[in-house]
Amino acid sequence: MKTDTHPQYHTINVVMTDGTEYQTKSTWGKEGDTMRLDVDCKSHPAWNGGATKIVEKGQLSKFENKYGSFLSGTTSKK
């Protein structure tokens, strides 16, 4: 097996969008580097009210009119 083919696995600091920090192991950067996130579970719509934004734009109602609401078990009438 060749030597030095695998990336270095070390501890880095991760800063969330709200300023909270935690340490994790990664191959990104160097030992002790800080990764600042632009998007995370506290700021991304998929985790933070994404469903309400889809309903506001009418995308969910368009889908249900076309295909029925498979989540509730009803079908659409044409």
PDB file of N, CA and C in Angstrom:
ATOM      1  N   MET A   1       0.839  -1.176   0.000  1.00  0.00           N
ATOM      2  CA  MET A   1       0.000   0.000   0.000  1.00  0.00           C
ATOM      3  C   MET A   1       0.887   1.244   0.000  1.00  0.00           C
ATOM      4  N   LYS A   2       0.526   2.231  -0.801  1.00  0.00           N
ATOM      5  CA  LYS A   2       1.317   3.451  -0.894  1.00  0.00           C
ATOM      6  C   LYS A   2       1.192   4.270   0.387  1.00  0.00           C
ATOM      7  N   THR A   3       2.257   4.925   0.765  1.00  0.00           N
ATOM      8  CA  THR A   3       2.221   5.810   1.935  1.00  0.00           C
ATOM      9  C   THR A   3       1.764   7.197   1.511  1.00  0.00           C
ATOM     10  N   ASP A   4       1.183   7.935   2.438  1.00  0.00           N
ATOM     11  CA  ASP A   4       0.724   9.321   2.226  1.00  0.00           C
ATOM     12  C   ASP A   4      -0.332   9.463   1.133  1.00  0.00           C
ATOM     13  N   THR A   5      -1.185   8.465   0.952  1.00  0.00           N
ATOM     14  CA  THR A   5      -2.253   8.578  -0.047  1.00  0.00           C
ATOM     15  C   THR A   5      -3.560   9.051   0.574  1.00  0.00           C
ATOM     16  N   HIS A   6      -3.703   8.905   1.882  1.00  0.00           N
ATOM     17  CA  HIS A   6      -4.925   9.326   2.547  1.00  0.00           C
ATOM     18  C   HIS A   6      -4.775  10.737   3.105  1.00  0.00           C
ATOM     19  N   PRO A   7      -5.837  11.552   3.050  1.00  0.00           N
ATOM     20  CA  PRO A   7      -5.747  12.912   3.592  1.00  0.00           C
ATOM     21  C   PRO A   7      -5.611  12.889   5.120  1.00  0.00           C
ATOM     22  N   GLN A   8      -5.047  13.954   5.661  1.00  0.00           N
ATOM     23  CA  GLN A   8      -4.894  14.081   7.105  1.00  0.00           C
ATOM     24  C   GLN A   8      -6.264  14.287   7.759  1.00  0.00           C
ATOM     25  N   TYR A   9      -6.539  13.553   8.818  1.00  0.00           N
ATOM     26  CA  TYR A   9      -7.792  13.626   9.567  1.00  0.00           C
ATOM     27  C   TYR A   9      -7.470  14.301  10.892  1.00  0.00           C
ATOM     28  N   HIS A  10      -8.057  15.476  11.127  1.00  0.00           N
ATOM     29  CA  HIS A  10      -7.691  16.280  12.284  1.00  0.00           C
ATOM     30  C   HIS A  10      -8.902  17.030  12.831  1.00  0.00           C
ATOM     31  N   THR A  11      -8.709  17.740  13.928  1.00  0.00           N
ATOM     32  CA  THR A  11      -9.790  18.488  14.582  1.00  0.00           C
ATOM     33  C   THR A  11      -9.846  19.915  14.036  1.00  0.00           C
ATOM     34  N   ILE A  12     -11.094  20.373  13.684  1.00  0.00           N
ATOM     35  CA  ILE A  12     -11.314  21.753  13.258  1.00  0.00           C
ATOM     36  C   ILE A  12     -12.455  22.333  14.075  1.00  0.00           C
ATOM     37  N   ASN A  13     -12.600  23.646  14.038  1.00  0.00           N
ATOM     38  CA  ASN A  13     -13.715  24.345  14.684  1.00  0.00           C
ATOM     39  C   ASN A  13     -14.727  24.724  13.615  1.00  0.00           C
ATOM     40  N   VAL A  14     -15.999  24.546  13.911  1.00  0.00           N
ATOM     41  CA  VAL A  14     -17.072  24.923  12.996  1.00  0.00           C
ATOM     42  C   VAL A  14     -17.912  25.996  13.676  1.00  0.00           C
ATOM     43  N   VAL A  15     -18.135  27.125  12.955  1.00  0.00           N
ATOM     44  CA  VAL A  15     -18.939  28.219  13.486  1.00  0.00           C
ATOM     45  C   VAL A  15     -20.238  28.258  12.694  1.00  0.00           C
ATOM     46  N   MET A  16     -21.368  28.092  13.397  1.00  0.00           N
ATOM     47  CA  MET A  16     -22.690  28.109  12.776  1.00  0.00           C
ATOM     48  C   MET A  16     -23.076  29.550  12.435  1.00  0.00           C
ATOM     49  N   THR A  17     -24.177  29.738  11.699  1.00  0.00           N
ATOM     50  CA  THR A  17     -24.598  31.072  11.287  1.00  0.00           C
ATOM     51  C   THR A  17     -25.009  31.943  12.469  1.00  0.00           C
ATOM     52  N   ASP A  18     -25.428  31.341  13.580  1.00  0.00           N
ATOM     53  CA  ASP A  18     -25.816  32.136  14.749  1.00  0.00           C
ATOM     54  C   ASP A  18     -24.646  32.385  15.701  1.00  0.00           C
ATOM     55  N   GLY A  19     -23.447  31.937  15.332  1.00  0.00           N
ATOM     56  CA  GLY A  19     -22.261  32.186  16.139  1.00  0.00           C
ATOM     57  C   GLY A  19     -21.858  31.059  17.067  1.00  0.00           C
ATOM     58  N   THR A  20     -22.699  30.044  17.232  1.00  0.00           N
ATOM     59  CA  THR A  20     -22.321  28.921  18.094  1.00  0.00           C
ATOM     60  C   THR A  20     -21.203  28.125  17.417  1.00  0.00           C
ATOM     61  N   GLU A  21     -20.355  27.526  18.239  1.00  0.00           N
ATOM     62  CA  GLU A  21     -19.199  26.798  17.730  1.00  0.00           C
ATOM     63  C   GLU A  21     -19.170  25.377  18.275  1.00  0.00           C
ATOM     64  N   TYR A  22     -18.560  24.490  17.519  1.00  0.00           N
ATOM     65  CA  TYR A  22     -18.284  23.141  17.997  1.00  0.00           C
ATOM     66  C   TYR A  22     -17.049  22.611  17.290  1.00  0.00           C
ATOM     67  N   GLN A  23     -16.457  21.580  17.837  1.00  0.00           N
ATOM     68  CA  GLN A  23     -15.288  20.950  17.237  1.00  0.00           C
ATOM     69  C   GLN A  23     -15.693  19.613  16.634  1.00  0.00           C
ATOM     70  N   THR A  24     -15.065  19.290  15.513  1.00  0.00           N
ATOM     71  CA  THR A  24     -15.323  18.019  14.850  1.00  0.00           C
ATOM     72  C   THR A  24     -14.057  17.574  14.136  1.00  0.00           C
ATOM     73  N   LYS A  25     -14.033  16.346  13.715  1.00  0.00           N
ATOM     74  CA  LYS A  25     -12.913  15.816  12.938  1.00  0.00           C
ATOM     75  C   LYS A  25     -13.238  15.975  11.454  1.00  0.00           C
ATOM     76  N   SER A  26     -12.222  16.324  10.655  1.00  0.00           N
ATOM     77  CA  SER A  26     -12.435  16.555   9.237  1.00  0.00           C
ATOM     78  C   SER A  26     -11.120  16.435   8.480  1.00  0.00           C
ATOM     79  N   THR A  27     -11.218  16.325   7.159  1.00  0.00           N
ATOM     80  CA  THR A  27     -10.038  16.383   6.304  1.00  0.00           C
ATOM     81  C   THR A  27      -9.882  17.784   5.714  1.00  0.00           C
ATOM     82  N   TRP A  28     -10.826  18.692   6.001  1.00  0.00           N
ATOM     83  CA  TRP A  28     -10.798  20.055   5.496  1.00  0.00           C
ATOM     84  C   TRP A  28      -9.759  20.878   6.259  1.00  0.00           C
ATOM     85  N   GLY A  29      -9.022  21.706   5.587  1.00  0.00           N
ATOM     86  CA  GLY A  29      -8.103  22.637   6.224  1.00  0.00           C
ATOM     87  C   GLY A  29      -6.979  21.958   6.979  1.00  0.00           C
ATOM     88  N   LYS A  30      -6.501  22.682   7.998  1.00  0.00           N
ATOM     89  CA  LYS A  30      -5.413  22.181   8.834  1.00  0.00           C
ATOM     90  C   LYS A  30      -5.900  22.065  10.271  1.00  0.00           C
ATOM     91  N   GLU A  31      -5.128  21.420  11.101  1.00  0.00           N
ATOM     92  CA  GLU A  31      -5.447  21.263  12.524  1.00  0.00           C
ATOM     93  C   GLU A  31      -5.735  22.628  13.136  1.00  0.00           C
ATOM     94  N   GLY A  32      -6.925  22.771  13.765  1.00  0.00           N
ATOM     95  CA  GLY A  32      -7.283  24.009  14.460  1.00  0.00           C
ATOM     96  C   GLY A  32      -7.904  25.083  13.591  1.00  0.00           C
ATOM     97  N   ASP A  33      -8.028  24.875  12.257  1.00  0.00           N
ATOM     98  CA  ASP A  33      -8.662  25.866  11.388  1.00  0.00           C
ATOM     99  C   ASP A  33     -10.131  26.038  11.759  1.00  0.00           C
ATOM    100  N   THR A  34     -10.712  27.181  11.366  1.00  0.00           N
ATOM    101  CA  THR A  34     -12.117  27.473  11.651  1.00  0.00           C
ATOM    102  C   THR A  34     -12.904  27.535  10.353  1.00  0.00           C
ATOM    103  N   MET A  35     -13.966  26.728  10.262  1.00  0.00           N
ATOM    104  CA  MET A  35     -14.882  26.737   9.112  1.00  0.00           C
ATOM    105  C   MET A  35     -16.114  27.526   9.521  1.00  0.00           C
ATOM    106  N   ARG A  36     -16.393  28.610   8.794  1.00  0.00           N
ATOM    107  CA  ARG A  36     -17.579  29.430   9.058  1.00  0.00           C
ATOM    108  C   ARG A  36     -18.653  29.064   8.027  1.00  0.00           C
ATOM    109  N   LEU A  37     -19.798  28.606   8.517  1.00  0.00           N
ATOM    110  CA  LEU A  37     -20.870  28.148   7.634  1.00  0.00           C
ATOM    111  C   LEU A  37     -21.716  29.319   7.158  1.00  0.00           C
ATOM    112  N   ASP A  38     -22.071  29.326   5.869  1.00  0.00           N
ATOM    113  CA  ASP A  38     -22.996  30.310   5.311  1.00  0.00           C
ATOM    114  C   ASP A  38     -24.431  29.829   5.462  1.00  0.00           C
ATOM    115  N   VAL A  39     -24.627  28.516   5.391  1.00  0.00           N
ATOM    116  CA  VAL A  39     -25.949  27.902   5.498  1.00  0.00           C
ATOM    117  C   VAL A  39     -25.831  26.728   6.446  1.00  0.00           C
ATOM    118  N   ASP A  40     -26.779  26.616   7.371  1.00  0.00           N
ATOM    119  CA  ASP A  40     -26.823  25.473   8.273  1.00  0.00           C
ATOM    120  C   ASP A  40     -28.269  25.191   8.649  1.00  0.00           C
ATOM    121  N   CYS A  41     -28.470  24.256   9.556  1.00  0.00           N
ATOM    122  CA  CYS A  41     -29.837  23.843   9.910  1.00  0.00           C
ATOM    123  C   CYS A  41     -30.612  24.958  10.601  1.00  0.00           C
ATOM    124  N   LYS A  42     -29.951  25.997  11.081  1.00  0.00           N
ATOM    125  CA  LYS A  42     -30.658  27.099  11.736  1.00  0.00           C
ATOM    126  C   LYS A  42     -31.061  28.192  10.754  1.00  0.00           C
ATOM    127  N   SER A  43     -30.495  28.193   9.551  1.00  0.00           N
ATOM    128  CA  SER A  43     -30.802  29.256   8.598  1.00  0.00           C
ATOM    129  C   SER A  43     -31.393  28.756   7.279  1.00  0.00           C
ATOM    130  N   HIS A  44     -31.286  27.470   6.975  1.00  0.00           N
ATOM    131  CA  HIS A  44     -31.775  26.958   5.691  1.00  0.00           C
ATOM    132  C   HIS A  44     -33.277  26.720   5.745  1.00  0.00           C
ATOM    133  N   PRO A  45     -34.014  27.106   4.696  1.00  0.00           N
ATOM    134  CA  PRO A  45     -35.476  26.950   4.697  1.00  0.00           C
ATOM    135  C   PRO A  45     -35.961  25.510   4.833  1.00  0.00           C
ATOM    136  N   ALA A  46     -35.161  24.537   4.430  1.00  0.00           N
ATOM    137  CA  ALA A  46     -35.593  23.146   4.551  1.00  0.00           C
ATOM    138  C   ALA A  46     -35.785  22.762   6.013  1.00  0.00           C
ATOM    139  N   TRP A  47     -35.027  23.371   6.909  1.00  0.00           N
ATOM    140  CA  TRP A  47     -35.156  23.086   8.334  1.00  0.00           C
ATOM    141  C   TRP A  47     -35.912  24.172   9.071  1.00  0.00           C
ATOM    142  N   ASN A  48     -36.049  25.340   8.442  1.00  0.00           N
ATOM    143  CA  ASN A  48     -36.584  26.497   9.156  1.00  0.00           C
ATOM    144  C   ASN A  48     -37.814  27.049   8.436  1.00  0.00           C
ATOM    145  N   GLY A  49     -38.918  26.342   8.473  1.00  0.00           N
ATOM    146  CA  GLY A  49     -40.153  26.838   7.878  1.00  0.00           C
ATOM    147  C   GLY A  49     -40.231  26.679   6.376  1.00  0.00           C
ATOM    148  N   GLY A  50     -39.494  25.754   5.813  1.00  0.00           N
ATOM    149  CA  GLY A  50     -39.503  25.566   4.371  1.00  0.00           C
ATOM    150  C   GLY A  50     -40.860  25.184   3.837  1.00  0.00           C
ATOM    151  N   ALA A  51     -41.602  24.360   4.568  1.00  0.00           N
ATOM    152  CA  ALA A  51     -42.921  23.919   4.103  1.00  0.00           C
ATOM    153  C   ALA A  51     -43.893  25.089   4.024  1.00  0.00           C
ATOM    154  N   THR A  52     -43.821  26.017   4.973  1.00  0.00           N
ATOM    155  CA  THR A  52     -44.739  27.154   4.934  1.00  0.00           C
ATOM    156  C   THR A  52     -44.415  28.063   3.759  1.00  0.00           C
ATOM    157  N   LYS A  53     -43.151  28.192   3.406  1.00  0.00           N
ATOM    158  CA  LYS A  53     -42.792  29.018   2.259  1.00  0.00           C
ATOM    159  C   LYS A  53     -43.305  28.395   0.962  1.00  0.00           C
ATOM    160  N   ILE A  54     -43.291  27.074   0.859  1.00  0.00           N
ATOM    161  CA  ILE A  54     -43.809  26.393  -0.330  1.00  0.00           C
ATOM    162  C   ILE A  54     -45.322  26.593  -0.415  1.00  0.00           C
ATOM    163  N   VAL A  55     -46.024  26.492   0.707  1.00  0.00           N
ATOM    164  CA  VAL A  55     -47.465  26.678   0.723  1.00  0.00           C
ATOM    165  C   VAL A  55     -47.810  28.109   0.342  1.00  0.00           C
ATOM    166  N   GLU A  56     -47.027  29.084   0.824  1.00  0.00           N
ATOM    167  CA  GLU A  56     -47.277  30.481   0.491  1.00  0.00           C
ATOM    168  C   GLU A  56     -47.172  30.733  -1.007  1.00  0.00           C
ATOM    169  N   LYS A  57     -46.253  30.062  -1.682  1.00  0.00           N
ATOM    170  CA  LYS A  57     -46.079  30.260  -3.120  1.00  0.00           C
ATOM    171  C   LYS A  57     -47.097  29.469  -3.923  1.00  0.00           C
ATOM    172  N   GLY A  58     -47.877  28.618  -3.284  1.00  0.00           N
ATOM    173  CA  GLY A  58     -48.900  27.854  -3.972  1.00  0.00           C
ATOM    174  C   GLY A  58     -48.405  26.587  -4.634  1.00  0.00           C
ATOM    175  N   GLN A  59     -47.150  26.215  -4.418  1.00  0.00           N
ATOM    176  CA  GLN A  59     -46.609  25.032  -5.062  1.00  0.00           C
ATOM    177  C   GLN A  59     -47.278  23.760  -4.541  1.00  0.00           C
ATOM    178  N   LEU A  60     -47.530  23.707  -3.245  1.00  0.00           N
ATOM    179  CA  LEU A  60     -48.168  22.522  -2.679  1.00  0.00           C
ATOM    180  C   LEU A  60     -49.591  22.368  -3.208  1.00  0.00           C
ATOM    181  N   SER A  61     -50.346  23.445  -3.295  1.00  0.00           N
ATOM    182  CA  SER A  61     -51.714  23.343  -3.794  1.00  0.00           C
ATOM    183  C   SER A  61     -51.741  22.960  -5.277  1.00  0.00           C
ATOM    184  N   LYS A  62     -50.783  23.439  -6.052  1.00  0.00           N
ATOM    185  CA  LYS A  62     -50.700  23.034  -7.465  1.00  0.00           C
ATOM    186  C   LYS A  62     -50.443  21.535  -7.575  1.00  0.00           C
ATOM    187  N   PHE A  63     -49.532  21.027  -6.734  1.00  0.00           N
ATOM    188  CA  PHE A  63     -49.219  19.606  -6.743  1.00  0.00           C
ATOM    189  C   PHE A  63     -50.436  18.783  -6.346  1.00  0.00           C
ATOM    190  N   GLU A  64     -51.127  19.206  -5.278  1.00  0.00           N
ATOM    191  CA  GLU A  64     -52.297  18.459  -4.812  1.00  0.00           C
ATOM    192  C   GLU A  64     -53.432  18.515  -5.828  1.00  0.00           C
ATOM    193  N   ASN A  65     -53.613  19.625  -6.537  1.00  0.00           N
ATOM    194  CA  ASN A  65     -54.639  19.706  -7.570  1.00  0.00           C
ATOM    195  C   ASN A  65     -54.342  18.762  -8.723  1.00  0.00           C
ATOM    196  N   LYS A  66     -53.073  18.602  -9.037  1.00  0.00           N
ATOM    197  CA  LYS A  66     -52.704  17.756 -10.159  1.00  0.00           C
ATOM    198  C   LYS A  66     -52.662  16.278  -9.791  1.00  0.00           C
ATOM    199  N   TYR A  67     -52.080  15.941  -8.617  1.00  0.00           N
ATOM    200  CA  TYR A  67     -51.843  14.549  -8.256  1.00  0.00           C
ATOM    201  C   TYR A  67     -52.649  14.059  -7.057  1.00  0.00           C
ATOM    202  N   GLY A  68     -53.340  14.934  -6.366  1.00  0.00           N
ATOM    203  CA  GLY A  68     -54.023  14.541  -5.144  1.00  0.00           C
ATOM    204  C   GLY A  68     -53.065  14.575  -3.979  1.00  0.00           C
ATOM    205  N   SER A  69     -53.614  14.489  -2.795  1.00  0.00           N
ATOM    206  CA  SER A  69     -52.768  14.536  -1.607  1.00  0.00           C
ATOM    207  C   SER A  69     -52.463  13.115  -1.176  1.00  0.00           C
ATOM    208  N   PHE A  70     -51.339  12.578  -1.658  1.00  0.00           N
ATOM    209  CA  PHE A  70     -50.983  11.193  -1.315  1.00  0.00           C
ATOM    210  C   PHE A  70     -50.662  11.045   0.146  1.00  0.00           C
ATOM    211  N   LEU A  71     -50.362  12.137   0.839  1.00  0.00           N
ATOM    212  CA  LEU A  71     -50.078  12.056   2.267  1.00  0.00           C
ATOM    213  C   LEU A  71     -51.343  11.800   3.090  1.00  0.00           C
ATOM    214  N   SER A  72     -52.468  12.375   2.640  1.00  0.00           N
ATOM    215  CA  SER A  72     -53.707  12.175   3.388  1.00  0.00           C
ATOM    216  C   SER A  72     -54.561  11.036   2.804  1.00  0.00           C
ATOM    217  N   GLY A  73     -54.149  10.511   1.645  1.00  0.00           N
ATOM    218  CA  GLY A  73     -54.862   9.388   1.042  1.00  0.00           C
ATOM    219  C   GLY A  73     -55.995   9.796   0.138  1.00  0.00           C
ATOM    220  N   THR A  74     -56.203  11.088  -0.121  1.00  0.00           N
ATOM    221  CA  THR A  74     -57.257  11.541  -1.014  1.00  0.00           C
ATOM    222  C   THR A  74     -56.702  11.718  -2.413  1.00  0.00           C
ATOM    223  N   THR A  75     -57.582  11.702  -3.403  1.00  0.00           N
ATOM    224  CA  THR A  75     -57.170  11.921  -4.782  1.00  0.00           C
ATOM    225  C   THR A  75     -57.891  13.130  -5.322  1.00  0.00           C
ATOM    226  N   SER A  76     -57.341  13.720  -6.371  1.00  0.00           N
ATOM    227  CA  SER A  76     -57.957  14.913  -6.962  1.00  0.00           C
ATOM    228  C   SER A  76     -59.076  14.524  -7.912  1.00  0.00           C
ATOM    229  N   LYS A  77     -60.007  15.443  -8.118  1.00  0.00           N
ATOM    230  CA  LYS A  77     -61.097  15.235  -9.065  1.00  0.00           C
ATOM    231  C   LYS A  77     -60.845  16.118 -10.261  1.00  0.00           C
ATOM    232  N   LYS A  78     -61.014  15.571 -11.466  1.00  0.00           N
ATOM    233  CA  LYS A  78     -60.782  16.349 -12.697  1.00  0.00           C
ATOM    234  C   LYS A  78     -62.079  16.586 -13.408  1.00  0.00           C
TER     235      LYS A  78
END
